[in-house]
Amino acid sequence: MKRWLALTASASLLCLGALAHAAGGYPRTLVAQALVKNGETSVTSTVTIKIDRLMEPSRRTRVLDGLKYNGYQGFMNVLRPLPTIGTIATQNREVKVQYAWETKVDDRTRLVVAASKPLFFLTADETKARAGYELTVVDILLDAAGGGTGTMSGAARVKPAPDGIVLDDFAAAPVQLTIAAPAK
């Protein structure tokens, strides 16, 4: 009888864990309309962000400690070997995500996503890699309905912020993202 109760309790905890994970909205796919402007020129595209799950708090702490104590290179050294937890894709290219974290901002959810490889360089000559700008970073604010706005940089650096990471300065303006709320 005790063994049956223990098994029932264990099964209940597993189910509650699965429900909590599902309630968090993961796995999640966000389809964003991307807009970049350079002078008189505007380019639009679609970016698909797929996140299977958020990263574990212990891994996030290790990545942030790498940034805090060893700068951008320390961040990259810890981030690169982490498991893939999603993708960021355009029509022609895809990068694997190793960093995804949510925080609450007023009545919205801020989602920051980073991949350890650049998705694109907004220059006339895309064959030239920009040394030190090796991340793809997405930073979006989502409302309760699942719509939102944000920015993406296809070749970026990050710096520490009180609640995680933020984009470091980069010469090109970030891509503006608009995410429509899913139809009900």
C-alpha atoms as a PDB file:
ATOM      1  CA  MET A   1       0.000   0.000   0.000  1.00  0.00           C
ATOM      2  CA  LYS A   2       2.791   2.425   0.907  1.00  0.00           C
ATOM      3  CA  ARG A   3       4.575   1.593  -2.316  1.00  0.00           C
ATOM      4  CA  TRP A   4       1.404   2.266  -4.317  1.00  0.00           C
ATOM      5  CA  LEU A   5       0.946   5.645  -2.566  1.00  0.00           C
ATOM      6  CA  ALA A   6       4.563   6.567  -3.293  1.00  0.00           C
ATOM      7  CA  LEU A   7       4.136   5.643  -6.973  1.00  0.00           C
ATOM      8  CA  THR A   8       0.875   7.593  -7.175  1.00  0.00           C
ATOM      9  CA  ALA A   9       2.487  10.635  -5.543  1.00  0.00           C
ATOM     10  CA  SER A  10       5.464  10.432  -7.929  1.00  0.00           C
ATOM     11  CA  ALA A  11       3.184  10.174 -10.956  1.00  0.00           C
ATOM     12  CA  SER A  12       1.143  13.141  -9.725  1.00  0.00           C
ATOM     13  CA  LEU A  13       4.283  15.254  -9.332  1.00  0.00           C
ATOM     14  CA  LEU A  14       5.404  14.355 -12.857  1.00  0.00           C
ATOM     15  CA  CYS A  15       2.006  15.357 -14.248  1.00  0.00           C
ATOM     16  CA  LEU A  16       2.053  18.645 -12.336  1.00  0.00           C
ATOM     17  CA  GLY A  17       5.553  19.337 -13.664  1.00  0.00           C
ATOM     18  CA  ALA A  18       4.397  18.706 -17.211  1.00  0.00           C
ATOM     19  CA  LEU A  19       1.379  20.989 -16.718  1.00  0.00           C
ATOM     20  CA  ALA A  20       3.572  23.747 -15.300  1.00  0.00           C
ATOM     21  CA  HIS A  21       5.900  23.424 -18.286  1.00  0.00           C
ATOM     22  CA  ALA A  22       2.953  23.547 -20.704  1.00  0.00           C
ATOM     23  CA  ALA A  23       1.454  26.527 -18.867  1.00  0.00           C
ATOM     24  CA  GLY A  24       4.692  28.424 -19.483  1.00  0.00           C
ATOM     25  CA  GLY A  25       3.943  28.296 -23.201  1.00  0.00           C
ATOM     26  CA  TYR A  26       6.805  26.067 -24.352  1.00  0.00           C
ATOM     27  CA  PRO A  27       7.539  24.838 -26.872  1.00  0.00           C
ATOM     28  CA  ARG A  28       6.674  28.143 -28.568  1.00  0.00           C
ATOM     29  CA  THR A  29       6.935  29.412 -32.137  1.00  0.00           C
ATOM     30  CA  LEU A  30       6.866  33.153 -32.822  1.00  0.00           C
ATOM     31  CA  VAL A  31       6.581  34.442 -36.377  1.00  0.00           C
ATOM     32  CA  ALA A  32       7.761  38.042 -36.603  1.00  0.00           C
ATOM     33  CA  GLN A  33       7.625  40.576 -39.373  1.00  0.00           C
ATOM     34  CA  ALA A  34      11.079  42.129 -39.545  1.00  0.00           C
ATOM     35  CA  LEU A  35      11.776  45.641 -40.795  1.00  0.00           C
ATOM     36  CA  VAL A  36      15.167  47.249 -41.268  1.00  0.00           C
ATOM     37  CA  LYS A  37      15.701  50.767 -42.554  1.00  0.00           C
ATOM     38  CA  ASN A  38      18.875  52.273 -43.922  1.00  0.00           C
ATOM     39  CA  GLY A  39      18.313  55.798 -45.123  1.00  0.00           C
ATOM     40  CA  GLU A  40      15.630  55.695 -47.821  1.00  0.00           C
ATOM     41  CA  THR A  41      15.793  51.912 -48.114  1.00  0.00           C
ATOM     42  CA  SER A  42      13.446  49.610 -46.182  1.00  0.00           C
ATOM     43  CA  VAL A  43      13.631  45.835 -46.226  1.00  0.00           C
ATOM     44  CA  THR A  44      10.995  43.514 -44.767  1.00  0.00           C
ATOM     45  CA  SER A  45      11.221  39.810 -44.108  1.00  0.00           C
ATOM     46  CA  THR A  46       9.802  37.095 -41.889  1.00  0.00           C
ATOM     47  CA  VAL A  47      11.756  35.696 -38.949  1.00  0.00           C
ATOM     48  CA  THR A  48      10.670  32.507 -37.200  1.00  0.00           C
ATOM     49  CA  ILE A  49      11.765  32.016 -33.595  1.00  0.00           C
ATOM     50  CA  LYS A  50      11.217  28.508 -32.214  1.00  0.00           C
ATOM     51  CA  ILE A  51      11.970  27.913 -28.549  1.00  0.00           C
ATOM     52  CA  ASP A  52      11.600  24.375 -27.200  1.00  0.00           C
ATOM     53  CA  ARG A  53      12.177  25.457 -23.604  1.00  0.00           C
ATOM     54  CA  LEU A  54      13.828  28.153 -21.561  1.00  0.00           C
ATOM     55  CA  MET A  55      17.358  27.456 -20.372  1.00  0.00           C
ATOM     56  CA  GLU A  56      17.894  26.047 -16.900  1.00  0.00           C
ATOM     57  CA  PRO A  57      18.551  28.659 -14.182  1.00  0.00           C
ATOM     58  CA  SER A  58      21.922  27.079 -13.322  1.00  0.00           C
ATOM     59  CA  ARG A  59      23.111  27.358 -16.937  1.00  0.00           C
ATOM     60  CA  ARG A  60      21.870  30.944 -17.154  1.00  0.00           C
ATOM     61  CA  THR A  61      23.826  31.781 -13.993  1.00  0.00           C
ATOM     62  CA  ARG A  62      26.996  30.241 -15.491  1.00  0.00           C
ATOM     63  CA  VAL A  63      26.585  32.241 -18.722  1.00  0.00           C
ATOM     64  CA  LEU A  64      25.917  35.500 -16.868  1.00  0.00           C
ATOM     65  CA  ASP A  65      28.874  34.868 -14.535  1.00  0.00           C
ATOM     66  CA  GLY A  66      31.050  34.316 -17.615  1.00  0.00           C
ATOM     67  CA  LEU A  67      29.963  37.733 -18.881  1.00  0.00           C
ATOM     68  CA  LYS A  68      30.297  39.438 -15.519  1.00  0.00           C
ATOM     69  CA  TYR A  69      33.761  38.108 -14.648  1.00  0.00           C
ATOM     70  CA  ASN A  70      35.346  37.523 -18.074  1.00  0.00           C
ATOM     71  CA  GLY A  71      33.503  39.898 -20.392  1.00  0.00           C
ATOM     72  CA  TYR A  72      32.023  39.094 -23.769  1.00  0.00           C
ATOM     73  CA  GLN A  73      34.558  36.323 -24.475  1.00  0.00           C
ATOM     74  CA  GLY A  74      33.709  34.660 -21.146  1.00  0.00           C
ATOM     75  CA  PHE A  75      30.030  34.752 -22.128  1.00  0.00           C
ATOM     76  CA  MET A  76      30.797  33.155 -25.497  1.00  0.00           C
ATOM     77  CA  ASN A  77      33.022  30.459 -23.952  1.00  0.00           C
ATOM     78  CA  VAL A  78      30.202  29.327 -21.661  1.00  0.00           C
ATOM     79  CA  LEU A  79      27.389  29.754 -24.221  1.00  0.00           C
ATOM     80  CA  ARG A  80      28.856  27.838 -27.174  1.00  0.00           C
ATOM     81  CA  PRO A  81      28.845  24.313 -25.656  1.00  0.00           C
ATOM     82  CA  LEU A  82      25.324  24.612 -24.191  1.00  0.00           C
ATOM     83  CA  PRO A  83      22.621  22.423 -25.734  1.00  0.00           C
ATOM     84  CA  THR A  84      20.381  23.790 -28.462  1.00  0.00           C
ATOM     85  CA  ILE A  85      16.997  24.900 -27.102  1.00  0.00           C
ATOM     86  CA  GLY A  86      15.558  26.445 -30.264  1.00  0.00           C
ATOM     87  CA  THR A  87      16.241  28.207 -33.554  1.00  0.00           C
ATOM     88  CA  ILE A  88      16.030  31.630 -35.166  1.00  0.00           C
ATOM     89  CA  ALA A  89      15.444  31.425 -38.910  1.00  0.00           C
ATOM     90  CA  THR A  90      14.928  33.518 -41.992  1.00  0.00           C
ATOM     91  CA  GLN A  91      13.952  32.096 -45.354  1.00  0.00           C
ATOM     92  CA  ASN A  92      17.596  31.350 -46.245  1.00  0.00           C
ATOM     93  CA  ARG A  93      19.422  30.773 -42.972  1.00  0.00           C
ATOM     94  CA  GLU A  94      19.010  29.391 -39.458  1.00  0.00           C
ATOM     95  CA  VAL A  95      21.010  29.594 -36.220  1.00  0.00           C
ATOM     96  CA  LYS A  96      20.692  27.437 -33.109  1.00  0.00           C
ATOM     97  CA  VAL A  97      19.629  29.078 -29.855  1.00  0.00           C
ATOM     98  CA  GLN A  98      21.429  28.339 -26.593  1.00  0.00           C
ATOM     99  CA  TYR A  99      20.036  31.213 -24.472  1.00  0.00           C
ATOM    100  CA  ALA A 100      16.355  31.939 -23.848  1.00  0.00           C
ATOM    101  CA  TRP A 101      15.015  33.636 -20.731  1.00  0.00           C
ATOM    102  CA  GLU A 102      11.767  35.344 -19.737  1.00  0.00           C
ATOM    103  CA  THR A 103      11.155  38.119 -17.221  1.00  0.00           C
ATOM    104  CA  LYS A 104       8.003  40.028 -16.347  1.00  0.00           C
ATOM    105  CA  VAL A 105       7.875  43.727 -17.290  1.00  0.00           C
ATOM    106  CA  ASP A 106       4.688  45.301 -15.958  1.00  0.00           C
ATOM    107  CA  ASP A 107       1.867  43.297 -17.597  1.00  0.00           C
ATOM    108  CA  ARG A 108       4.054  41.931 -20.409  1.00  0.00           C
ATOM    109  CA  THR A 109       6.687  39.234 -20.792  1.00  0.00           C
ATOM    110  CA  ARG A 110      10.192  40.083 -21.974  1.00  0.00           C
ATOM    111  CA  LEU A 111      11.839  37.238 -23.881  1.00  0.00           C
ATOM    112  CA  VAL A 112      15.551  37.463 -24.655  1.00  0.00           C
ATOM    113  CA  VAL A 113      16.958  34.866 -27.048  1.00  0.00           C
ATOM    114  CA  ALA A 114      20.572  34.438 -28.181  1.00  0.00           C
ATOM    115  CA  ALA A 115      22.395  32.155 -30.594  1.00  0.00           C
ATOM    116  CA  SER A 116      26.187  31.818 -30.572  1.00  0.00           C
ATOM    117  CA  LYS A 117      26.462  32.437 -34.320  1.00  0.00           C
ATOM    118  CA  PRO A 118      25.481  35.472 -36.404  1.00  0.00           C
ATOM    119  CA  LEU A 119      22.352  35.112 -38.547  1.00  0.00           C
ATOM    120  CA  PHE A 120      23.268  37.997 -40.863  1.00  0.00           C
ATOM    121  CA  PHE A 121      25.446  41.073 -41.263  1.00  0.00           C
ATOM    122  CA  LEU A 122      23.748  44.208 -42.522  1.00  0.00           C
ATOM    123  CA  THR A 123      26.582  45.367 -44.746  1.00  0.00           C
ATOM    124  CA  ALA A 124      27.167  45.593 -48.460  1.00  0.00           C
ATOM    125  CA  ASP A 125      29.700  42.747 -48.225  1.00  0.00           C
ATOM    126  CA  GLU A 126      28.234  39.887 -46.152  1.00  0.00           C
ATOM    127  CA  THR A 127      31.322  37.738 -46.760  1.00  0.00           C
ATOM    128  CA  LYS A 128      33.293  39.861 -44.307  1.00  0.00           C
ATOM    129  CA  ALA A 129      32.731  38.654 -40.762  1.00  0.00           C
ATOM    130  CA  ARG A 130      32.758  41.301 -38.063  1.00  0.00           C
ATOM    131  CA  ALA A 131      35.235  40.137 -35.439  1.00  0.00           C
ATOM    132  CA  GLY A 132      33.666  40.097 -32.013  1.00  0.00           C
ATOM    133  CA  TYR A 133      30.060  40.360 -33.230  1.00  0.00           C
ATOM    134  CA  GLU A 134      29.222  36.675 -33.143  1.00  0.00           C
ATOM    135  CA  LEU A 135      25.746  36.556 -31.581  1.00  0.00           C
ATOM    136  CA  THR A 136      22.236  36.709 -32.924  1.00  0.00           C
ATOM    137  CA  VAL A 137      20.131  38.428 -30.247  1.00  0.00           C
ATOM    138  CA  VAL A 138      16.349  38.837 -30.111  1.00  0.00           C
ATOM    139  CA  ASP A 139      14.707  40.970 -27.403  1.00  0.00           C
ATOM    140  CA  ILE A 140      10.901  41.108 -27.478  1.00  0.00           C
ATOM    141  CA  LEU A 141       8.030  42.190 -25.244  1.00  0.00           C
ATOM    142  CA  LEU A 142       4.924  40.011 -25.520  1.00  0.00           C
ATOM    143  CA  ASP A 143       1.453  40.920 -24.289  1.00  0.00           C
ATOM    144  CA  ALA A 144      -1.009  38.505 -22.703  1.00  0.00           C
ATOM    145  CA  ALA A 145      -2.496  37.657 -26.120  1.00  0.00           C
ATOM    146  CA  GLY A 146       0.929  36.612 -27.496  1.00  0.00           C
ATOM    147  CA  GLY A 147       1.560  39.602 -29.750  1.00  0.00           C
ATOM    148  CA  GLY A 148       4.414  42.003 -29.299  1.00  0.00           C
ATOM    149  CA  THR A 149       7.293  44.066 -30.576  1.00  0.00           C
ATOM    150  CA  GLY A 150      11.035  43.971 -30.218  1.00  0.00           C
ATOM    151  CA  THR A 151      14.407  44.081 -31.864  1.00  0.00           C
ATOM    152  CA  MET A 152      16.855  41.659 -33.380  1.00  0.00           C
ATOM    153  CA  SER A 153      20.502  42.000 -34.232  1.00  0.00           C
ATOM    154  CA  GLY A 154      21.937  39.427 -36.602  1.00  0.00           C
ATOM    155  CA  ALA A 155      25.526  40.129 -35.537  1.00  0.00           C
ATOM    156  CA  ALA A 156      25.868  41.477 -32.017  1.00  0.00           C
ATOM    157  CA  ARG A 157      27.683  41.644 -28.725  1.00  0.00           C
ATOM    158  CA  VAL A 158      26.079  41.737 -25.304  1.00  0.00           C
ATOM    159  CA  LYS A 159      26.841  43.388 -21.997  1.00  0.00           C
ATOM    160  CA  PRO A 160      25.522  42.719 -18.492  1.00  0.00           C
ATOM    161  CA  ALA A 161      22.189  44.181 -17.377  1.00  0.00           C
ATOM    162  CA  PRO A 162      20.465  43.978 -13.996  1.00  0.00           C
ATOM    163  CA  ASP A 163      18.041  41.318 -15.288  1.00  0.00           C
ATOM    164  CA  GLY A 164      20.401  39.463 -17.655  1.00  0.00           C
ATOM    165  CA  ILE A 165      21.887  40.693 -20.923  1.00  0.00           C
ATOM    166  CA  VAL A 166      21.349  43.613 -23.321  1.00  0.00           C
ATOM    167  CA  LEU A 167      22.748  44.472 -26.726  1.00  0.00           C
ATOM    168  CA  ASP A 168      26.087  46.227 -26.683  1.00  0.00           C
ATOM    169  CA  ASP A 169      26.637  49.026 -29.194  1.00  0.00           C
ATOM    170  CA  PHE A 170      26.669  47.991 -32.832  1.00  0.00           C
ATOM    171  CA  ALA A 171      27.075  50.244 -35.863  1.00  0.00           C
ATOM    172  CA  ALA A 172      23.956  49.046 -37.714  1.00  0.00           C
ATOM    173  CA  ALA A 173      20.506  49.710 -36.274  1.00  0.00           C
ATOM    174  CA  PRO A 174      18.726  46.633 -34.907  1.00  0.00           C
ATOM    175  CA  VAL A 175      15.954  45.061 -36.960  1.00  0.00           C
ATOM    176  CA  GLN A 176      12.478  45.998 -35.693  1.00  0.00           C
ATOM    177  CA  LEU A 177      10.216  42.998 -35.024  1.00  0.00           C
ATOM    178  CA  THR A 178       6.416  42.874 -34.899  1.00  0.00           C
ATOM    179  CA  ILE A 179       4.646  39.735 -33.747  1.00  0.00           C
ATOM    180  CA  ALA A 180       0.908  39.412 -34.345  1.00  0.00           C
ATOM    181  CA  ALA A 181      -1.112  37.716 -31.605  1.00  0.00           C
ATOM    182  CA  PRO A 182      -2.115  34.193 -32.636  1.00  0.00           C
ATOM    183  CA  ALA A 183      -5.656  33.878 -34.008  1.00  0.00           C
ATOM    184  CA  LYS A 184      -8.096  32.288 -31.598  1.00  0.00           C
END
